[in-house]
C-alpha atoms as a PDB file:
ATOM      1  CA  MET A   1      89.335 -22.803  47.145  1.00  0.00           C
ATOM      2  CA  HIS A   2      92.889 -23.562  46.073  1.00  0.00           C
ATOM      3  CA  VAL A   3      94.858 -21.350  43.676  1.00  0.00           C
ATOM      4  CA  ASN A   4      98.293 -21.538  42.101  1.00  0.00           C
ATOM      5  CA  LEU A   5     100.087 -18.205  41.872  1.00  0.00           C
ATOM      6  CA  ARG A   6     102.914 -17.292  39.519  1.00  0.00           C
ATOM      7  CA  VAL A   7     104.248 -14.034  40.917  1.00  0.00           C
ATOM      8  CA  TRP A   8     106.944 -11.682  39.656  1.00  0.00           C
ATOM      9  CA  ARG A   9     109.709 -11.255  42.254  1.00  0.00           C
ATOM     10  CA  GLN A  10     112.413  -8.616  41.971  1.00  0.00           C
ATOM     11  CA  ALA A  11     114.586  -7.533  44.879  1.00  0.00           C
ATOM     12  CA  GLY A  12     115.111  -3.976  43.640  1.00  0.00           C
ATOM     13  CA  PRO A  13     115.102  -1.621  40.657  1.00  0.00           C
ATOM     14  CA  LYS A  14     118.455  -2.855  39.315  1.00  0.00           C
ATOM     15  CA  ALA A  15     118.130  -6.506  40.331  1.00  0.00           C
ATOM     16  CA  ASP A  16     117.225  -9.294  37.953  1.00  0.00           C
ATOM     17  CA  GLY A  17     113.656 -10.474  38.346  1.00  0.00           C
ATOM     18  CA  GLY A  18     111.720 -13.619  37.607  1.00  0.00           C
ATOM     19  CA  PHE A  19     108.537 -15.543  38.316  1.00  0.00           C
ATOM     20  CA  GLU A  20     108.142 -17.717  41.391  1.00  0.00           C
ATOM     21  CA  GLU A  21     105.291 -20.143  41.966  1.00  0.00           C
ATOM     22  CA  TYR A  22     103.229 -20.506  45.120  1.00  0.00           C
ATOM     23  CA  SER A  23     100.198 -22.554  46.161  1.00  0.00           C
ATOM     24  CA  VAL A  24      97.576 -21.082  48.469  1.00  0.00           C
ATOM     25  CA  ASP A  25      94.938 -23.245  50.144  1.00  0.00           C
ATOM     26  CA  ASP A  26      91.753 -22.386  52.045  1.00  0.00           C
ATOM     27  CA  VAL A  27      91.035 -19.347  49.909  1.00  0.00           C
ATOM     28  CA  SER A  28      87.606 -17.896  50.607  1.00  0.00           C
ATOM     29  CA  PRO A  29      85.587 -16.895  47.523  1.00  0.00           C
ATOM     30  CA  ASP A  30      84.719 -13.691  49.403  1.00  0.00           C
ATOM     31  CA  MET A  31      88.353 -12.636  49.757  1.00  0.00           C
ATOM     32  CA  SER A  32      89.581  -9.703  47.723  1.00  0.00           C
ATOM     33  CA  PHE A  33      92.627 -10.269  45.555  1.00  0.00           C
ATOM     34  CA  LEU A  34      94.751  -8.231  47.969  1.00  0.00           C
ATOM     35  CA  GLU A  35      93.539 -10.364  50.885  1.00  0.00           C
ATOM     36  CA  LEU A  36      94.785 -13.360  48.924  1.00  0.00           C
ATOM     37  CA  PHE A  37      98.229 -11.756  48.951  1.00  0.00           C
ATOM     38  CA  ASP A  38      97.909 -11.105  52.680  1.00  0.00           C
ATOM     39  CA  VAL A  39      97.360 -14.840  53.172  1.00  0.00           C
ATOM     40  CA  LEU A  40     100.267 -15.649  50.844  1.00  0.00           C
ATOM     41  CA  ASN A  41     102.587 -13.293  52.721  1.00  0.00           C
ATOM     42  CA  GLU A  42     101.633 -14.786  56.081  1.00  0.00           C
ATOM     43  CA  GLN A  43     102.449 -18.181  54.606  1.00  0.00           C
ATOM     44  CA  LEU A  44     105.814 -16.929  53.299  1.00  0.00           C
ATOM     45  CA  LEU A  45     106.724 -15.324  56.633  1.00  0.00           C
ATOM     46  CA  ALA A  46     105.912 -18.564  58.445  1.00  0.00           C
ATOM     47  CA  ASP A  47     108.304 -20.334  56.068  1.00  0.00           C
ATOM     48  CA  GLY A  48     111.034 -17.743  56.619  1.00  0.00           C
ATOM     49  CA  VAL A  49     110.669 -16.269  53.123  1.00  0.00           C
ATOM     50  CA  GLU A  50     110.507 -12.555  52.393  1.00  0.00           C
ATOM     51  CA  PRO A  51     106.902 -11.507  51.628  1.00  0.00           C
ATOM     52  CA  VAL A  52     105.800 -10.155  48.267  1.00  0.00           C
ATOM     53  CA  ALA A  53     105.923  -6.366  48.074  1.00  0.00           C
ATOM     54  CA  PHE A  54     102.823  -4.752  46.563  1.00  0.00           C
ATOM     55  CA  ASP A  55     101.192  -1.338  46.752  1.00  0.00           C
ATOM     56  CA  HIS A  56      97.920  -0.843  48.621  1.00  0.00           C
ATOM     57  CA  ASP A  57      96.235   1.731  50.804  1.00  0.00           C
ATOM     58  CA  CYS A  58      92.472   2.296  50.979  1.00  0.00           C
ATOM     59  CA  ARG A  59      91.384  -1.102  49.606  1.00  0.00           C
ATOM     60  CA  GLU A  60      88.118   0.557  48.576  1.00  0.00           C
ATOM     61  CA  GLY A  61      88.828   1.398  44.930  1.00  0.00           C
ATOM     62  CA  ILE A  62      89.646   5.016  45.749  1.00  0.00           C
ATOM     63  CA  CYS A  63      93.421   5.480  46.096  1.00  0.00           C
ATOM     64  CA  GLY A  64      94.502   3.736  42.880  1.00  0.00           C
ATOM     65  CA  SER A  65      97.615   2.179  44.390  1.00  0.00           C
ATOM     66  CA  CYS A  66      96.659  -1.512  43.915  1.00  0.00           C
ATOM     67  CA  SER A  67      98.420  -1.828  40.570  1.00  0.00           C
ATOM     68  CA  MET A  68      98.712  -5.418  39.351  1.00  0.00           C
ATOM     69  CA  MET A  69      98.567  -7.187  36.003  1.00  0.00           C
ATOM     70  CA  ILE A  70      96.494 -10.318  36.606  1.00  0.00           C
ATOM     71  CA  ASN A  71      96.652 -12.931  33.850  1.00  0.00           C
ATOM     72  CA  GLY A  72      97.722 -10.203  31.457  1.00  0.00           C
ATOM     73  CA  GLN A  73      94.903  -7.805  32.338  1.00  0.00           C
ATOM     74  CA  ALA A  74      95.278  -4.587  34.322  1.00  0.00           C
ATOM     75  CA  HIS A  75      93.402  -5.071  37.615  1.00  0.00           C
ATOM     76  CA  GLY A  76      92.207  -8.504  36.481  1.00  0.00           C
ATOM     77  CA  PRO A  77      89.296  -9.980  34.538  1.00  0.00           C
ATOM     78  CA  GLU A  78      86.393  -7.962  35.955  1.00  0.00           C
ATOM     79  CA  LYS A  79      85.632  -4.756  34.075  1.00  0.00           C
ATOM     80  CA  GLY A  80      85.308  -1.494  36.004  1.00  0.00           C
ATOM     81  CA  THR A  81      87.055  -2.912  39.066  1.00  0.00           C
ATOM     82  CA  ALA A  82      90.309  -2.118  40.835  1.00  0.00           C
ATOM     83  CA  THR A  83      92.460  -4.981  42.125  1.00  0.00           C
ATOM     84  CA  CYS A  84      91.329  -4.390  45.697  1.00  0.00           C
ATOM     85  CA  GLN A  85      87.690  -4.777  44.601  1.00  0.00           C
ATOM     86  CA  LEU A  86      88.319  -7.990  42.674  1.00  0.00           C
ATOM     87  CA  HIS A  87      87.053 -11.037  44.587  1.00  0.00           C
ATOM     88  CA  MET A  88      88.321 -14.584  44.383  1.00  0.00           C
ATOM     89  CA  ARG A  89      84.883 -15.840  43.335  1.00  0.00           C
ATOM     90  CA  LYS A  90      85.789 -14.543  39.871  1.00  0.00           C
ATOM     91  CA  PHE A  91      88.315 -17.396  39.629  1.00  0.00           C
ATOM     92  CA  GLU A  92      87.737 -21.132  39.495  1.00  0.00           C
ATOM     93  CA  ASP A  93      88.952 -23.542  42.152  1.00  0.00           C
ATOM     94  CA  GLY A  94      92.473 -24.637  41.225  1.00  0.00           C
ATOM     95  CA  ALA A  95      93.010 -21.625  38.969  1.00  0.00           C
ATOM     96  CA  ASN A  96      96.498 -20.738  37.754  1.00  0.00           C
ATOM     97  CA  ILE A  97      97.003 -16.990  38.152  1.00  0.00           C
ATOM     98  CA  THR A  98      99.968 -14.987  36.870  1.00  0.00           C
ATOM     99  CA  VAL A  99     100.577 -11.678  38.655  1.00  0.00           C
ATOM    100  CA  GLU A 100     102.966  -9.001  37.390  1.00  0.00           C
ATOM    101  CA  PRO A 101     103.665  -5.325  38.088  1.00  0.00           C
ATOM    102  CA  TRP A 102     102.645  -2.642  35.585  1.00  0.00           C
ATOM    103  CA  ARG A 103     104.732  -3.230  32.467  1.00  0.00           C
ATOM    104  CA  ALA A 104     105.591   0.285  31.292  1.00  0.00           C
ATOM    105  CA  ARG A 105     108.922   2.058  30.832  1.00  0.00           C
ATOM    106  CA  SER A 106     107.524   5.103  32.636  1.00  0.00           C
ATOM    107  CA  PHE A 107     106.750   2.962  35.724  1.00  0.00           C
ATOM    108  CA  PRO A 108     110.097   1.488  36.843  1.00  0.00           C
ATOM    109  CA  ILE A 109     109.862  -1.413  39.269  1.00  0.00           C
ATOM    110  CA  VAL A 110     110.709  -0.585  42.879  1.00  0.00           C
ATOM    111  CA  LYS A 111     110.356  -4.117  44.230  1.00  0.00           C
ATOM    112  CA  ASP A 112     108.299  -7.174  43.254  1.00  0.00           C
ATOM    113  CA  LEU A 113     104.863  -5.817  42.269  1.00  0.00           C
ATOM    114  CA  ALA A 114     105.472  -2.231  43.440  1.00  0.00           C
ATOM    115  CA  VAL A 115     106.297   0.369  40.789  1.00  0.00           C
ATOM    116  CA  ASN A 116     107.241   4.055  40.785  1.00  0.00           C
ATOM    117  CA  ARG A 117     104.345   6.050  39.289  1.00  0.00           C
ATOM    118  CA  SER A 118     105.743   9.500  40.055  1.00  0.00           C
ATOM    119  CA  ALA A 119     105.622  10.389  36.337  1.00  0.00           C
ATOM    120  CA  LEU A 120     101.870  10.791  36.795  1.00  0.00           C
ATOM    121  CA  ASP A 121     102.498  13.171  39.692  1.00  0.00           C
ATOM    122  CA  ARG A 122     104.688  15.342  37.470  1.00  0.00           C
ATOM    123  CA  ILE A 123     101.789  15.798  35.064  1.00  0.00           C
ATOM    124  CA  ILE A 124      99.567  16.989  37.921  1.00  0.00           C
ATOM    125  CA  GLU A 125     102.296  19.291  39.230  1.00  0.00           C
ATOM    126  CA  SER A 126     102.581  21.001  35.851  1.00  0.00           C
ATOM    127  CA  GLY A 127      98.991  22.232  35.767  1.00  0.00           C
ATOM    128  CA  GLY A 128      96.462  19.970  37.457  1.00  0.00           C
ATOM    129  CA  PHE A 129      95.145  22.659  39.760  1.00  0.00           C
ATOM    130  CA  ILE A 130      93.248  25.963  39.829  1.00  0.00           C
ATOM    131  CA  THR A 131      95.254  28.965  41.022  1.00  0.00           C
ATOM    132  CA  VAL A 132      93.406  30.987  43.640  1.00  0.00           C
ATOM    133  CA  PRO A 133      94.475  34.041  45.658  1.00  0.00           C
ATOM    134  CA  THR A 134      95.075  33.577  49.342  1.00  0.00           C
ATOM    135  CA  GLY A 135      92.531  34.852  51.812  1.00  0.00           C
ATOM    136  CA  SER A 136      89.116  33.793  52.991  1.00  0.00           C
ATOM    137  CA  ALA A 137      87.294  31.166  50.970  1.00  0.00           C
ATOM    138  CA  SER A 138      84.514  32.328  48.690  1.00  0.00           C
ATOM    139  CA  GLU A 139      80.928  31.239  49.223  1.00  0.00           C
ATOM    140  CA  ALA A 140      80.502  27.690  47.932  1.00  0.00           C
ATOM    141  CA  ASN A 141      77.417  28.557  45.871  1.00  0.00           C
ATOM    142  CA  LEU A 142      78.803  31.818  44.494  1.00  0.00           C
ATOM    143  CA  THR A 143      79.529  30.250  41.097  1.00  0.00           C
ATOM    144  CA  LEU A 144      76.536  28.316  39.815  1.00  0.00           C
ATOM    145  CA  ILE A 145      77.314  25.185  37.812  1.00  0.00           C
ATOM    146  CA  PRO A 146      74.680  23.516  35.603  1.00  0.00           C
ATOM    147  CA  LYS A 147      74.021  19.903  36.565  1.00  0.00           C
ATOM    148  CA  ASP A 148      75.076  18.486  33.193  1.00  0.00           C
ATOM    149  CA  VAL A 149      78.403  20.329  33.468  1.00  0.00           C
ATOM    150  CA  ALA A 150      78.912  19.135  37.045  1.00  0.00           C
ATOM    151  CA  ASP A 151      78.085  15.551  36.066  1.00  0.00           C
ATOM    152  CA  TRP A 152      80.501  15.670  33.138  1.00  0.00           C
ATOM    153  CA  ALA A 153      83.274  17.051  35.329  1.00  0.00           C
ATOM    154  CA  MET A 154      82.627  14.353  37.933  1.00  0.00           C
ATOM    155  CA  ASP A 155      82.896  11.656  35.261  1.00  0.00           C
ATOM    156  CA  ALA A 156      86.434  12.874  34.552  1.00  0.00           C
ATOM    157  CA  ALA A 157      87.260  13.421  38.227  1.00  0.00           C
ATOM    158  CA  ALA A 158      86.500   9.743  38.910  1.00  0.00           C
ATOM    159  CA  CYS A 159      90.062   8.957  37.745  1.00  0.00           C
ATOM    160  CA  ILE A 160      92.023   7.457  40.650  1.00  0.00           C
ATOM    161  CA  GLY A 161      95.421   7.739  38.955  1.00  0.00           C
ATOM    162  CA  CYS A 162      96.172   4.021  39.143  1.00  0.00           C
ATOM    163  CA  GLY A 163      98.039   3.891  35.826  1.00  0.00           C
ATOM    164  CA  ALA A 164      96.063   0.972  34.393  1.00  0.00           C
ATOM    165  CA  CYS A 165      95.531   2.975  31.196  1.00  0.00           C
ATOM    166  CA  VAL A 166      99.300   3.224  30.734  1.00  0.00           C
ATOM    167  CA  ALA A 167      99.916  -0.431  31.583  1.00  0.00           C
ATOM    168  CA  ALA A 168      97.232  -1.620  29.146  1.00  0.00           C
ATOM    169  CA  CYS A 169      98.242   0.661  26.266  1.00  0.00           C
ATOM    170  CA  PRO A 170     100.524  -0.928  23.622  1.00  0.00           C
ATOM    171  CA  ASN A 171     102.288   2.444  23.376  1.00  0.00           C
ATOM    172  CA  GLY A 172     102.549   3.106  27.102  1.00  0.00           C
ATOM    173  CA  ALA A 173     100.503   6.280  26.625  1.00  0.00           C
ATOM    174  CA  ALA A 174      98.966   8.315  29.443  1.00  0.00           C
ATOM    175  CA  GLN A 175      96.411  10.260  27.404  1.00  0.00           C
ATOM    176  CA  LEU A 176      93.378   8.960  29.297  1.00  0.00           C
ATOM    177  CA  PHE A 177      94.858   9.867  32.685  1.00  0.00           C
ATOM    178  CA  THR A 178      95.983  13.292  31.479  1.00  0.00           C
ATOM    179  CA  ALA A 179      92.706  13.973  29.686  1.00  0.00           C
ATOM    180  CA  ALA A 180      90.718  13.144  32.819  1.00  0.00           C
ATOM    181  CA  LYS A 181      92.873  15.401  34.990  1.00  0.00           C
ATOM    182  CA  VAL A 182      92.772  18.233  32.433  1.00  0.00           C
ATOM    183  CA  SER A 183      89.072  17.938  31.655  1.00  0.00           C
ATOM    184  CA  HIS A 184      87.601  17.830  35.154  1.00  0.00           C
ATOM    185  CA  LEU A 185      89.094  21.314  35.649  1.00  0.00           C
ATOM    186  CA  ASN A 186      88.615  22.698  32.131  1.00  0.00           C
ATOM    187  CA  ILE A 187      84.911  21.824  32.130  1.00  0.00           C
ATOM    188  CA  LEU A 188      84.144  23.884  35.241  1.00  0.00           C
ATOM    189  CA  PRO A 189      83.753  27.693  35.268  1.00  0.00           C
ATOM    190  CA  GLN A 190      86.518  27.988  37.863  1.00  0.00           C
ATOM    191  CA  GLY A 191      88.953  26.339  35.469  1.00  0.00           C
ATOM    192  CA  GLN A 192      88.413  28.643  32.507  1.00  0.00           C
ATOM    193  CA  PRO A 193      91.026  31.384  33.220  1.00  0.00           C
ATOM    194  CA  GLU A 194      93.898  28.860  33.011  1.00  0.00           C
ATOM    195  CA  ARG A 195      92.251  26.451  30.577  1.00  0.00           C
ATOM    196  CA  TYR A 196      94.676  26.754  27.662  1.00  0.00           C
ATOM    197  CA  GLU A 197      97.799  27.217  29.756  1.00  0.00           C
ATOM    198  CA  ARG A 198      96.825  24.133  31.723  1.00  0.00           C
ATOM    199  CA  VAL A 199      96.312  21.833  28.756  1.00  0.00           C
ATOM    200  CA  VAL A 200      99.601  22.831  27.113  1.00  0.00           C
ATOM    201  CA  ALA A 201     101.596  22.408  30.335  1.00  0.00           C
ATOM    202  CA  MET A 202     100.097  19.026  31.187  1.00  0.00           C
ATOM    203  CA  VAL A 203     100.244  17.566  27.677  1.00  0.00           C
ATOM    204  CA  ASP A 204     103.830  18.717  27.148  1.00  0.00           C
ATOM    205  CA  THR A 205     104.862  17.181  30.477  1.00  0.00           C
ATOM    206  CA  MET A 206     103.034  13.961  29.627  1.00  0.00           C
ATOM    207  CA  GLU A 207     104.928  13.645  26.348  1.00  0.00           C
ATOM    208  CA  GLU A 208     108.247  13.739  28.205  1.00  0.00           C
ATOM    209  CA  TYR A 209     107.498  10.459  29.985  1.00  0.00           C
ATOM    210  CA  PHE A 210     104.886   8.516  28.041  1.00  0.00           C
ATOM    211  CA  GLY A 211     104.197   7.192  24.558  1.00  0.00           C
ATOM    212  CA  SER A 212     101.763   8.564  21.989  1.00  0.00           C
ATOM    213  CA  CYS A 213      98.070   7.677  21.770  1.00  0.00           C
ATOM    214  CA  THR A 214      96.915   5.829  18.654  1.00  0.00           C
ATOM    215  CA  LEU A 215      93.391   5.169  19.948  1.00  0.00           C
ATOM    216  CA  HIS A 216      93.658   1.440  20.583  1.00  0.00           C
ATOM    217  CA  ARG A 217      91.070   2.052  23.357  1.00  0.00           C
ATOM    218  CA  GLU A 218      92.795  -0.445  25.623  1.00  0.00           C
ATOM    219  CA  CYS A 219      92.956   2.349  28.206  1.00  0.00           C
ATOM    220  CA  GLU A 220      89.198   2.753  28.270  1.00  0.00           C
ATOM    221  CA  ALA A 221      88.692  -1.013  28.615  1.00  0.00           C
ATOM    222  CA  ALA A 222      91.213  -1.305  31.471  1.00  0.00           C
ATOM    223  CA  CYS A 223      90.123   1.766  33.441  1.00  0.00           C
ATOM    224  CA  PRO A 224      88.555   0.685  36.763  1.00  0.00           C
ATOM    225  CA  LYS A 225      86.355   3.797  36.651  1.00  0.00           C
ATOM    226  CA  GLU A 226      85.395   3.256  32.985  1.00  0.00           C
ATOM    227  CA  ILE A 227      86.425   6.767  31.936  1.00  0.00           C
ATOM    228  CA  SER A 228      85.569   7.489  28.308  1.00  0.00           C
ATOM    229  CA  ILE A 229      88.127   8.331  25.633  1.00  0.00           C
ATOM    230  CA  ASP A 230      85.808  11.228  24.759  1.00  0.00           C
ATOM    231  CA  PHE A 231      87.919  13.171  27.244  1.00  0.00           C
ATOM    232  CA  ILE A 232      90.996  12.516  25.102  1.00  0.00           C
ATOM    233  CA  ALA A 233      89.205  14.120  22.142  1.00  0.00           C
ATOM    234  CA  MET A 234      88.300  17.106  24.301  1.00  0.00           C
ATOM    235  CA  MET A 235      91.886  17.473  25.499  1.00  0.00           C
ATOM    236  CA  ASN A 236      93.225  17.285  21.953  1.00  0.00           C
ATOM    237  CA  ARG A 237      90.807  19.993  20.795  1.00  0.00           C
ATOM    238  CA  ASP A 238      91.821  22.262  23.667  1.00  0.00           C
ATOM    239  CA  TYR A 239      95.496  21.649  22.919  1.00  0.00           C
ATOM    240  CA  VAL A 240      95.089  22.659  19.276  1.00  0.00           C
ATOM    241  CA  LYS A 241      93.089  25.760  20.256  1.00  0.00           C
ATOM    242  CA  ALA A 242      95.782  26.657  22.777  1.00  0.00           C
ATOM    243  CA  GLN A 243      98.478  26.573  20.090  1.00  0.00           C
ATOM    244  CA  PHE A 244      96.546  29.036  17.905  1.00  0.00           C
ATOM    245  CA  LYS A 245      95.824  31.234  20.916  1.00  0.00           C
ATOM    246  CA  ASN A 246      99.481  31.285  21.927  1.00  0.00           C
ATOM    247  CA  ARG A 247     100.535  32.224  18.391  1.00  0.00           C
ATOM    248  CA  ARG A 248      98.148  35.178  18.379  1.00  0.00           C
ATOM    249  CA  LEU A 249      99.469  36.349  21.734  1.00  0.00           C
ATOM    250  CA  SER A 250     103.058  36.055  20.467  1.00  0.00           C
ATOM    251  CA  ALA A 251     102.194  38.042  17.344  1.00  0.00           C
ATOM    252  CA  GLN A 252     100.618  40.807  19.426  1.00  0.00           C
ATOM    253  CA  ARG A 253     103.775  41.138  21.451  1.00  0.00           C
END
């Protein structure tokens, strides 16, 4: 295969950026999209040109770092697939492919296709955990969890934190990410003691960095793990309940 790439290049966060065009020959249909960039970078190095910077780690659809807009779509044209799982057989021979970094104010560009997604980490830091006392671990089967509850929690926990939901959203909202991270804890028995504190802390932190959700559902369509916006509804309900609960506690004081 032969493909023509139009890639965003930017030397640094404050540098001016622009698209540059490259041609790549001898592309195997079985290559992943990241392997295509490996070939491109080898070609650039051979020509004495600085390679394209892009984020990657596991290349197995687990880490969520392979953030690229491919022909205007987060992670490319195949639904339910991260960039590292996208294969070149999804493109035609001679295809023209435009590749950009996540386009979101909350994800400033570091270099080329690499962006800073630490705003997502701040949401997790604010409440995406279960507080436990130190000491020996409790027996794993001490707290029984019904299968339907466990399955529901696992559906939310499938989120890999890639940020595709933010990049695809017209408002740059992070509700799907936050809802997944809130819900996979709030659904489980172990998450109940901090349920309402957690949702308030994480939603309030989210609103400092991201836009507001207006249910375009672009996030759901772009998510490589196909996480449902039902979790957003659950998070919103918990947030409203938390506000009433906090008012009652304030009144009692």
